[in-house]
Amino acid sequence: MMLVRRAFAAAGGLVAGEDLPVEAYPWFLDYYREHKLDYTYAYEGVLEALAALRELHDAPGGRAEPWPS
């Protein structure tokens, strides 16, 4: 909600106490849910690093096994 209020304020179109942010908020959430990953991507090398971490985790002595007593 704060993001919506700030957006209206930055555009110069919001007077304190207006109902517009309350009406716009559900629209914003619907739009965001639909488009939040439109321009999202993993940095170069991240997927390979995650795969390497998974291999370490699953290796003998990795975190997948119980800690020694």
C-alpha atoms as a PDB file:
ATOM      1  CA  MET A   1       0.000   0.000   0.000  1.00  0.00           C
ATOM      2  CA  MET A   2       2.860   2.357   0.838  1.00  0.00           C
ATOM      3  CA  LEU A   3       4.350   1.813  -2.635  1.00  0.00           C
ATOM      4  CA  VAL A   4       1.045   2.794  -4.251  1.00  0.00           C
ATOM      5  CA  ARG A   5       0.749   5.906  -2.070  1.00  0.00           C
ATOM      6  CA  ARG A   6       4.322   6.930  -2.892  1.00  0.00           C
ATOM      7  CA  ALA A   7       3.725   6.425  -6.599  1.00  0.00           C
ATOM      8  CA  PHE A   8       0.718   8.733  -6.526  1.00  0.00           C
ATOM      9  CA  ALA A   9       2.584  11.276  -4.421  1.00  0.00           C
ATOM     10  CA  ALA A  10       5.577  11.227  -6.801  1.00  0.00           C
ATOM     11  CA  ALA A  11       3.205  11.853  -9.695  1.00  0.00           C
ATOM     12  CA  GLY A  12       1.828  14.844  -7.831  1.00  0.00           C
ATOM     13  CA  GLY A  13      -1.691  13.520  -7.909  1.00  0.00           C
ATOM     14  CA  LEU A  14      -2.422  12.509  -4.350  1.00  0.00           C
ATOM     15  CA  VAL A  15      -3.884  14.539  -1.548  1.00  0.00           C
ATOM     16  CA  ALA A  16      -3.726  12.981   1.913  1.00  0.00           C
ATOM     17  CA  GLY A  17      -6.844  11.052   2.758  1.00  0.00           C
ATOM     18  CA  GLU A  18      -7.950  10.341  -0.809  1.00  0.00           C
ATOM     19  CA  ASP A  19      -9.523   6.958  -1.535  1.00  0.00           C
ATOM     20  CA  LEU A  20      -7.627   6.508  -4.813  1.00  0.00           C
ATOM     21  CA  PRO A  21      -4.743   4.474  -3.329  1.00  0.00           C
ATOM     22  CA  VAL A  22      -7.215   2.129  -1.651  1.00  0.00           C
ATOM     23  CA  GLU A  23      -9.000   1.611  -4.980  1.00  0.00           C
ATOM     24  CA  ALA A  24      -5.727   1.243  -6.915  1.00  0.00           C
ATOM     25  CA  TYR A  25      -4.110  -1.246  -4.536  1.00  0.00           C
ATOM     26  CA  PRO A  26      -6.033  -4.380  -5.674  1.00  0.00           C
ATOM     27  CA  TRP A  27      -5.344  -3.468  -9.306  1.00  0.00           C
ATOM     28  CA  PHE A  28      -1.640  -3.053  -8.501  1.00  0.00           C
ATOM     29  CA  LEU A  29      -1.483  -6.469  -6.788  1.00  0.00           C
ATOM     30  CA  ASP A  30      -3.209  -8.199  -9.708  1.00  0.00           C
ATOM     31  CA  TYR A  31      -0.886  -6.529 -12.213  1.00  0.00           C
ATOM     32  CA  TYR A  32       2.199  -7.257 -10.131  1.00  0.00           C
ATOM     33  CA  ARG A  33       1.314 -10.939  -9.717  1.00  0.00           C
ATOM     34  CA  GLU A  34       0.892 -11.240 -13.480  1.00  0.00           C
ATOM     35  CA  HIS A  35       4.066  -9.361 -14.475  1.00  0.00           C
ATOM     36  CA  LYS A  36       6.581  -9.583 -11.595  1.00  0.00           C
ATOM     37  CA  LEU A  37       8.851 -11.960 -13.513  1.00  0.00           C
ATOM     38  CA  ASP A  38       8.680 -10.231 -16.909  1.00  0.00           C
ATOM     39  CA  TYR A  39      12.219  -8.874 -16.668  1.00  0.00           C
ATOM     40  CA  THR A  40      13.614 -11.138 -13.945  1.00  0.00           C
ATOM     41  CA  TYR A  41      16.631 -13.297 -14.698  1.00  0.00           C
ATOM     42  CA  ALA A  42      19.439 -15.002 -12.821  1.00  0.00           C
ATOM     43  CA  TYR A  43      22.864 -13.400 -13.003  1.00  0.00           C
ATOM     44  CA  GLU A  44      25.401 -15.182 -15.184  1.00  0.00           C
ATOM     45  CA  GLY A  45      26.823 -18.187 -13.373  1.00  0.00           C
ATOM     46  CA  VAL A  46      24.174 -18.345 -10.650  1.00  0.00           C
ATOM     47  CA  LEU A  47      22.460 -21.478 -11.931  1.00  0.00           C
ATOM     48  CA  GLU A  48      25.796 -23.286 -12.198  1.00  0.00           C
ATOM     49  CA  ALA A  49      26.759 -22.161  -8.686  1.00  0.00           C
ATOM     50  CA  LEU A  50      23.479 -23.453  -7.293  1.00  0.00           C
ATOM     51  CA  ALA A  51      23.997 -26.799  -9.027  1.00  0.00           C
ATOM     52  CA  ALA A  52      27.501 -27.042  -7.516  1.00  0.00           C
ATOM     53  CA  LEU A  53      26.144 -26.253  -4.051  1.00  0.00           C
ATOM     54  CA  ARG A  54      23.484 -28.939  -4.478  1.00  0.00           C
ATOM     55  CA  GLU A  55      26.195 -31.468  -5.381  1.00  0.00           C
ATOM     56  CA  LEU A  56      28.175 -30.525  -2.263  1.00  0.00           C
ATOM     57  CA  HIS A  57      25.063 -30.762  -0.128  1.00  0.00           C
ATOM     58  CA  ASP A  58      24.201 -34.211  -1.450  1.00  0.00           C
ATOM     59  CA  ALA A  59      27.780 -35.573  -1.366  1.00  0.00           C
ATOM     60  CA  PRO A  60      28.914 -37.984   1.375  1.00  0.00           C
ATOM     61  CA  GLY A  61      29.632 -35.873   4.439  1.00  0.00           C
ATOM     62  CA  GLY A  62      27.441 -33.075   3.065  1.00  0.00           C
ATOM     63  CA  ARG A  63      24.639 -31.422   5.032  1.00  0.00           C
ATOM     64  CA  ALA A  64      22.139 -34.040   3.852  1.00  0.00           C
ATOM     65  CA  GLU A  65      23.687 -36.502   6.314  1.00  0.00           C
ATOM     66  CA  PRO A  66      23.223 -36.202  10.094  1.00  0.00           C
ATOM     67  CA  TRP A  67      25.857 -34.349  12.086  1.00  0.00           C
ATOM     68  CA  PRO A  68      28.355 -36.644  13.877  1.00  0.00           C
ATOM     69  CA  SER A  69      27.755 -37.013  17.602  1.00  0.00           C
END
